[in-house]
Structure formats: structure tokens, C-alpha cells
Amino acid sequence: MASRSLEREEPPCPKRHRSDDSGAAVDEVVTAGNMQRYLVTVEYIGTRYFGFQKQKGQDCRTVQGALEDAFLKFVGKPVESAPSSRTDAGVHALRNTCHVDVERVSKRKAGEILPPHEPGVVKRAVNHFLQKNGEDVQIVDVRCISRDFHARFEAKERT
């Protein structure tokens, strides 16, 4: 699916400046705990989906399920998304948002926690898995947000 939005450079994750043991300046990404919360903006053609929200106890195709499957393939463990709103079966969207909390763990060294991915990396990687799975969903924007931000409660408008 072609993107209908203008491409723009994503803002980097917030960073804190500190010095390492030798006194050299080091930038480290600011997170709460080891998790980074991202605001993810998606567009989709809803024809083949039973709405945005996952359906408990039912095995039906949803936009939220497709996103979470793609994130699972990207980070290697389940990720839950919190949508700002829902759409019904068959409904399309140009800019629907959700937030996800992601902890970046090394795939080479067991248990090693790594700095969070930059938003552009998240966007490209998850879009890769969405496209590979044949989904009609595309991420159009990813931003680092604070851990107290909630996509549903911070929404300014629903149309």
C-alpha cells in the first residue's frame, strides 16, 4: 500500500548527556525502566479486517492483531498495543494511532538490555514484517513518547 502522508524526519528518542568512566561525553536514551513507549500512527485498508481491536475469544483478523504480530517478529517477544480509538469491520483509516511499550533485548547476549531503537528503525522494521505478511496496514509515523502518555486518553480528536 502506498503511503499517503508526507515523509519527514522522525524526532530522535530523548537523550540524557553524561560522562563515562574516562570522562568522555556519552549520550544515553532516557527511558523509564528499560521500556520505551512509542506512539505509532497507522493507515490501513480495512476491507479484510474485523475492525481495529483484537476480539477476545475469537480468531479473526484485526488491524491490532496484525500490528502486534509484526512487532513480535521485530522484537522477538509479545508486544501489546493500546489504540486511541477503534474502527468497525471493513472501515479504512488514514491516521489511527496506538502506543506500544518495547524493551530492546540483545538477541546475541542473553539478558542484555540495549538502548531503545530510534523511531525510524521501528517504522521500517515493522512495515517490513507487515508487508511480508501481506497485510493492508502501514505505519506512517513513529515517535518516542513519555511513559505516562496514553493514546486513548490523550487523543485530541476522533473523526
C-alpha atoms as a PDB file:
ATOM      1  CA  MET A   1       0.000   0.000   0.000  1.00  0.00           C
ATOM      2  CA  ALA A   2       1.421   3.381  -0.916  1.00  0.00           C
ATOM      3  CA  SER A   3       1.869   5.933   1.839  1.00  0.00           C
ATOM      4  CA  ARG A   4      -0.479   8.894   1.608  1.00  0.00           C
ATOM      5  CA  SER A   5       1.487  11.013   4.052  1.00  0.00           C
ATOM      6  CA  LEU A   6       4.453  13.264   3.532  1.00  0.00           C
ATOM      7  CA  GLU A   7       7.747  11.729   4.625  1.00  0.00           C
ATOM      8  CA  ARG A   8       9.527  13.672   7.312  1.00  0.00           C
ATOM      9  CA  GLU A   9      12.413  13.001   9.599  1.00  0.00           C
ATOM     10  CA  GLU A  10      11.344  11.413  12.880  1.00  0.00           C
ATOM     11  CA  PRO A  11      12.485  13.122  16.065  1.00  0.00           C
ATOM     12  CA  PRO A  12      15.021  11.042  17.950  1.00  0.00           C
ATOM     13  CA  CYS A  13      14.285   9.469  21.311  1.00  0.00           C
ATOM     14  CA  PRO A  14      15.019  11.842  24.214  1.00  0.00           C
ATOM     15  CA  LYS A  15      18.634  11.654  25.361  1.00  0.00           C
ATOM     16  CA  ARG A  16      20.483  12.497  28.545  1.00  0.00           C
ATOM     17  CA  HIS A  17      24.114  13.623  28.463  1.00  0.00           C
ATOM     18  CA  ARG A  18      26.563  12.063  30.920  1.00  0.00           C
ATOM     19  CA  SER A  19      30.249  11.207  31.182  1.00  0.00           C
ATOM     20  CA  ASP A  20      31.656   7.702  31.142  1.00  0.00           C
ATOM     21  CA  ASP A  21      34.430   6.434  33.448  1.00  0.00           C
ATOM     22  CA  SER A  22      37.110   8.141  31.350  1.00  0.00           C
ATOM     23  CA  GLY A  23      35.293  11.496  31.405  1.00  0.00           C
ATOM     24  CA  ALA A  24      34.222  11.298  27.742  1.00  0.00           C
ATOM     25  CA  ALA A  25      30.760  12.644  26.913  1.00  0.00           C
ATOM     26  CA  VAL A  26      28.150   9.950  26.288  1.00  0.00           C
ATOM     27  CA  ASP A  27      24.527  10.314  25.177  1.00  0.00           C
ATOM     28  CA  GLU A  28      22.101   7.774  26.589  1.00  0.00           C
ATOM     29  CA  VAL A  29      18.444   7.398  25.714  1.00  0.00           C
ATOM     30  CA  VAL A  30      16.084   8.419  28.516  1.00  0.00           C
ATOM     31  CA  THR A  31      13.582   5.699  29.400  1.00  0.00           C
ATOM     32  CA  ALA A  32      11.503   4.719  32.385  1.00  0.00           C
ATOM     33  CA  GLY A  33      12.906   1.372  33.456  1.00  0.00           C
ATOM     34  CA  ASN A  34      14.062  -0.452  30.354  1.00  0.00           C
ATOM     35  CA  MET A  35      10.957   0.174  28.281  1.00  0.00           C
ATOM     36  CA  GLN A  36      10.453   2.791  25.589  1.00  0.00           C
ATOM     37  CA  ARG A  37       6.926   3.893  24.749  1.00  0.00           C
ATOM     38  CA  TYR A  38       6.327   4.711  21.098  1.00  0.00           C
ATOM     39  CA  LEU A  39       3.346   6.474  19.533  1.00  0.00           C
ATOM     40  CA  VAL A  40       2.603   4.610  16.297  1.00  0.00           C
ATOM     41  CA  THR A  41       0.438   6.130  13.550  1.00  0.00           C
ATOM     42  CA  VAL A  42      -1.021   3.677  11.045  1.00  0.00           C
ATOM     43  CA  GLU A  43      -3.085   3.721   7.903  1.00  0.00           C
ATOM     44  CA  TYR A  44      -4.966   0.733   6.600  1.00  0.00           C
ATOM     45  CA  ILE A  45      -7.489  -0.594   4.148  1.00  0.00           C
ATOM     46  CA  GLY A  46      -9.980  -2.311   6.440  1.00  0.00           C
ATOM     47  CA  THR A  47     -11.783  -4.459   3.885  1.00  0.00           C
ATOM     48  CA  ARG A  48     -10.151  -7.726   5.048  1.00  0.00           C
ATOM     49  CA  TYR A  49     -10.221  -6.904   8.783  1.00  0.00           C
ATOM     50  CA  PHE A  50     -12.837  -7.350  11.506  1.00  0.00           C
ATOM     51  CA  GLY A  51     -12.091  -3.873  12.840  1.00  0.00           C
ATOM     52  CA  PHE A  52      -9.089  -2.440  14.618  1.00  0.00           C
ATOM     53  CA  GLN A  53      -9.370  -4.047  18.049  1.00  0.00           C
ATOM     54  CA  LYS A  54      -8.483  -7.665  18.802  1.00  0.00           C
ATOM     55  CA  GLN A  55     -11.532  -9.787  19.607  1.00  0.00           C
ATOM     56  CA  LYS A  56     -11.255 -11.822  22.826  1.00  0.00           C
ATOM     57  CA  GLY A  57     -12.021 -15.494  22.351  1.00  0.00           C
ATOM     58  CA  GLN A  58     -12.302 -15.161  18.574  1.00  0.00           C
ATOM     59  CA  ASP A  59      -9.746 -15.976  15.923  1.00  0.00           C
ATOM     60  CA  CYS A  60     -10.463 -13.189  13.459  1.00  0.00           C
ATOM     61  CA  ARG A  61      -8.169 -10.877  11.553  1.00  0.00           C
ATOM     62  CA  THR A  62      -7.818  -7.388  13.085  1.00  0.00           C
ATOM     63  CA  VAL A  63      -5.522  -4.427  12.493  1.00  0.00           C
ATOM     64  CA  GLN A  64      -4.303  -4.555  16.103  1.00  0.00           C
ATOM     65  CA  GLY A  65      -3.514  -8.267  15.726  1.00  0.00           C
ATOM     66  CA  ALA A  66      -1.551  -7.609  12.519  1.00  0.00           C
ATOM     67  CA  LEU A  67       0.462  -4.835  14.203  1.00  0.00           C
ATOM     68  CA  GLU A  68       1.226  -6.923  17.281  1.00  0.00           C
ATOM     69  CA  ASP A  69       2.295  -9.891  15.118  1.00  0.00           C
ATOM     70  CA  ALA A  70       4.702  -7.628  13.197  1.00  0.00           C
ATOM     71  CA  PHE A  71       6.116  -6.200  16.442  1.00  0.00           C
ATOM     72  CA  LEU A  72       6.559  -9.749  17.774  1.00  0.00           C
ATOM     73  CA  LYS A  73       8.655 -10.645  14.734  1.00  0.00           C
ATOM     74  CA  PHE A  74      10.681  -7.433  15.123  1.00  0.00           C
ATOM     75  CA  VAL A  75      11.481  -7.572  18.867  1.00  0.00           C
ATOM     76  CA  GLY A  76      11.189 -11.315  19.451  1.00  0.00           C
ATOM     77  CA  LYS A  77       8.576 -11.192  22.210  1.00  0.00           C
ATOM     78  CA  PRO A  78       4.911 -10.225  22.514  1.00  0.00           C
ATOM     79  CA  VAL A  79       4.074  -6.508  22.482  1.00  0.00           C
ATOM     80  CA  GLU A  80       0.646  -5.158  23.420  1.00  0.00           C
ATOM     81  CA  SER A  81      -0.682  -2.055  21.717  1.00  0.00           C
ATOM     82  CA  ALA A  82      -3.123   0.466  23.206  1.00  0.00           C
ATOM     83  CA  PRO A  83      -5.212   2.124  20.478  1.00  0.00           C
ATOM     84  CA  SER A  84      -6.511   5.679  20.596  1.00  0.00           C
ATOM     85  CA  SER A  85      -9.768   4.545  19.005  1.00  0.00           C
ATOM     86  CA  ARG A  86     -11.368   1.627  17.217  1.00  0.00           C
ATOM     87  CA  THR A  87     -12.856   1.111  13.813  1.00  0.00           C
ATOM     88  CA  ASP A  88     -15.551  -1.357  12.781  1.00  0.00           C
ATOM     89  CA  ALA A  89     -15.161  -4.214  10.328  1.00  0.00           C
ATOM     90  CA  GLY A  90     -14.348  -3.059   6.806  1.00  0.00           C
ATOM     91  CA  VAL A  91     -13.531   0.545   7.795  1.00  0.00           C
ATOM     92  CA  HIS A  92     -10.406   2.228   6.396  1.00  0.00           C
ATOM     93  CA  ALA A  93      -8.193   4.717   8.246  1.00  0.00           C
ATOM     94  CA  LEU A  94      -5.573   7.250   7.188  1.00  0.00           C
ATOM     95  CA  ARG A  95      -4.157   8.187  10.620  1.00  0.00           C
ATOM     96  CA  ASN A  96      -5.140   5.970  13.524  1.00  0.00           C
ATOM     97  CA  THR A  97      -2.772   5.851  16.490  1.00  0.00           C
ATOM     98  CA  CYS A  98      -1.780   3.492  19.253  1.00  0.00           C
ATOM     99  CA  HIS A  99       1.074   3.263  21.699  1.00  0.00           C
ATOM    100  CA  VAL A 100       3.357   0.318  22.377  1.00  0.00           C
ATOM    101  CA  ASP A 101       5.953  -0.344  25.071  1.00  0.00           C
ATOM    102  CA  VAL A 102       9.071  -2.058  23.780  1.00  0.00           C
ATOM    103  CA  GLU A 103      12.088  -3.345  25.659  1.00  0.00           C
ATOM    104  CA  ARG A 104      15.081  -3.933  23.402  1.00  0.00           C
ATOM    105  CA  VAL A 105      16.885  -7.100  24.460  1.00  0.00           C
ATOM    106  CA  SER A 106      20.017  -8.423  22.765  1.00  0.00           C
ATOM    107  CA  LYS A 107      19.476 -11.458  20.558  1.00  0.00           C
ATOM    108  CA  ARG A 108      23.184 -12.317  20.858  1.00  0.00           C
ATOM    109  CA  LYS A 109      23.751 -11.993  24.624  1.00  0.00           C
ATOM    110  CA  ALA A 110      21.008 -13.474  26.774  1.00  0.00           C
ATOM    111  CA  GLY A 111      19.513 -10.967  29.193  1.00  0.00           C
ATOM    112  CA  GLU A 112      21.451  -7.941  27.902  1.00  0.00           C
ATOM    113  CA  ILE A 113      19.234  -4.845  27.711  1.00  0.00           C
ATOM    114  CA  LEU A 114      20.076  -2.480  24.846  1.00  0.00           C
ATOM    115  CA  PRO A 115      19.169   1.179  24.276  1.00  0.00           C
ATOM    116  CA  PRO A 116      15.795   1.651  22.550  1.00  0.00           C
ATOM    117  CA  HIS A 117      15.523   1.691  18.779  1.00  0.00           C
ATOM    118  CA  GLU A 118      15.230   5.047  17.056  1.00  0.00           C
ATOM    119  CA  PRO A 119      11.696   5.703  15.716  1.00  0.00           C
ATOM    120  CA  GLY A 120      12.758   5.372  12.064  1.00  0.00           C
ATOM    121  CA  VAL A 121      14.160   1.892  12.727  1.00  0.00           C
ATOM    122  CA  VAL A 122      10.893   0.806  14.359  1.00  0.00           C
ATOM    123  CA  LYS A 123       8.859   2.153  11.435  1.00  0.00           C
ATOM    124  CA  ARG A 124      10.974   0.448   8.753  1.00  0.00           C
ATOM    125  CA  ALA A 125      11.249  -2.883  10.571  1.00  0.00           C
ATOM    126  CA  VAL A 126       7.575  -3.243  11.494  1.00  0.00           C
ATOM    127  CA  ASN A 127       6.496  -2.143   7.989  1.00  0.00           C
ATOM    128  CA  HIS A 128       8.807  -4.831   6.591  1.00  0.00           C
ATOM    129  CA  PHE A 129       7.012  -7.535   8.592  1.00  0.00           C
ATOM    130  CA  LEU A 130       3.562  -6.113   7.799  1.00  0.00           C
ATOM    131  CA  GLN A 131       4.376  -6.187   4.083  1.00  0.00           C
ATOM    132  CA  LYS A 132       5.943  -9.652   4.317  1.00  0.00           C
ATOM    133  CA  ASN A 133       2.730 -10.949   5.940  1.00  0.00           C
ATOM    134  CA  GLY A 134       0.622  -9.426   3.128  1.00  0.00           C
ATOM    135  CA  GLU A 135      -1.166  -7.001   5.435  1.00  0.00           C
ATOM    136  CA  ASP A 136      -3.058  -3.924   4.226  1.00  0.00           C
ATOM    137  CA  VAL A 137      -1.608  -1.945   7.139  1.00  0.00           C
ATOM    138  CA  GLN A 138       1.284   0.516   7.064  1.00  0.00           C
ATOM    139  CA  ILE A 139       2.968   2.555   9.769  1.00  0.00           C
ATOM    140  CA  VAL A 140       3.260   6.184   8.658  1.00  0.00           C
ATOM    141  CA  ASP A 141       4.888   7.661  11.775  1.00  0.00           C
ATOM    142  CA  VAL A 142       6.608   6.565  14.994  1.00  0.00           C
ATOM    143  CA  ARG A 143       7.587   8.868  17.856  1.00  0.00           C
ATOM    144  CA  CYS A 144       9.170   8.344  21.262  1.00  0.00           C
ATOM    145  CA  ILE A 145       6.773   9.458  23.983  1.00  0.00           C
ATOM    146  CA  SER A 146       6.812   9.572  27.770  1.00  0.00           C
ATOM    147  CA  ARG A 147       5.683   6.545  29.767  1.00  0.00           C
ATOM    148  CA  ASP A 148       2.712   8.461  31.184  1.00  0.00           C
ATOM    149  CA  PHE A 149       1.264   9.187  27.714  1.00  0.00           C
ATOM    150  CA  HIS A 150      -1.782   7.084  26.815  1.00  0.00           C
ATOM    151  CA  ALA A 151      -3.029   7.102  23.219  1.00  0.00           C
ATOM    152  CA  ARG A 152      -6.706   6.740  24.172  1.00  0.00           C
ATOM    153  CA  PHE A 153      -6.808   9.348  26.920  1.00  0.00           C
ATOM    154  CA  GLU A 154      -4.552  11.893  25.166  1.00  0.00           C
ATOM    155  CA  ALA A 155      -6.453  11.799  21.854  1.00  0.00           C
ATOM    156  CA  LYS A 156      -7.446  15.314  20.736  1.00  0.00           C
ATOM    157  CA  GLU A 157      -9.946  14.318  18.052  1.00  0.00           C
ATOM    158  CA  ARG A 158     -11.807  11.315  16.673  1.00  0.00           C
ATOM    159  CA  THR A 159     -13.473  11.677  13.275  1.00  0.00           C
END
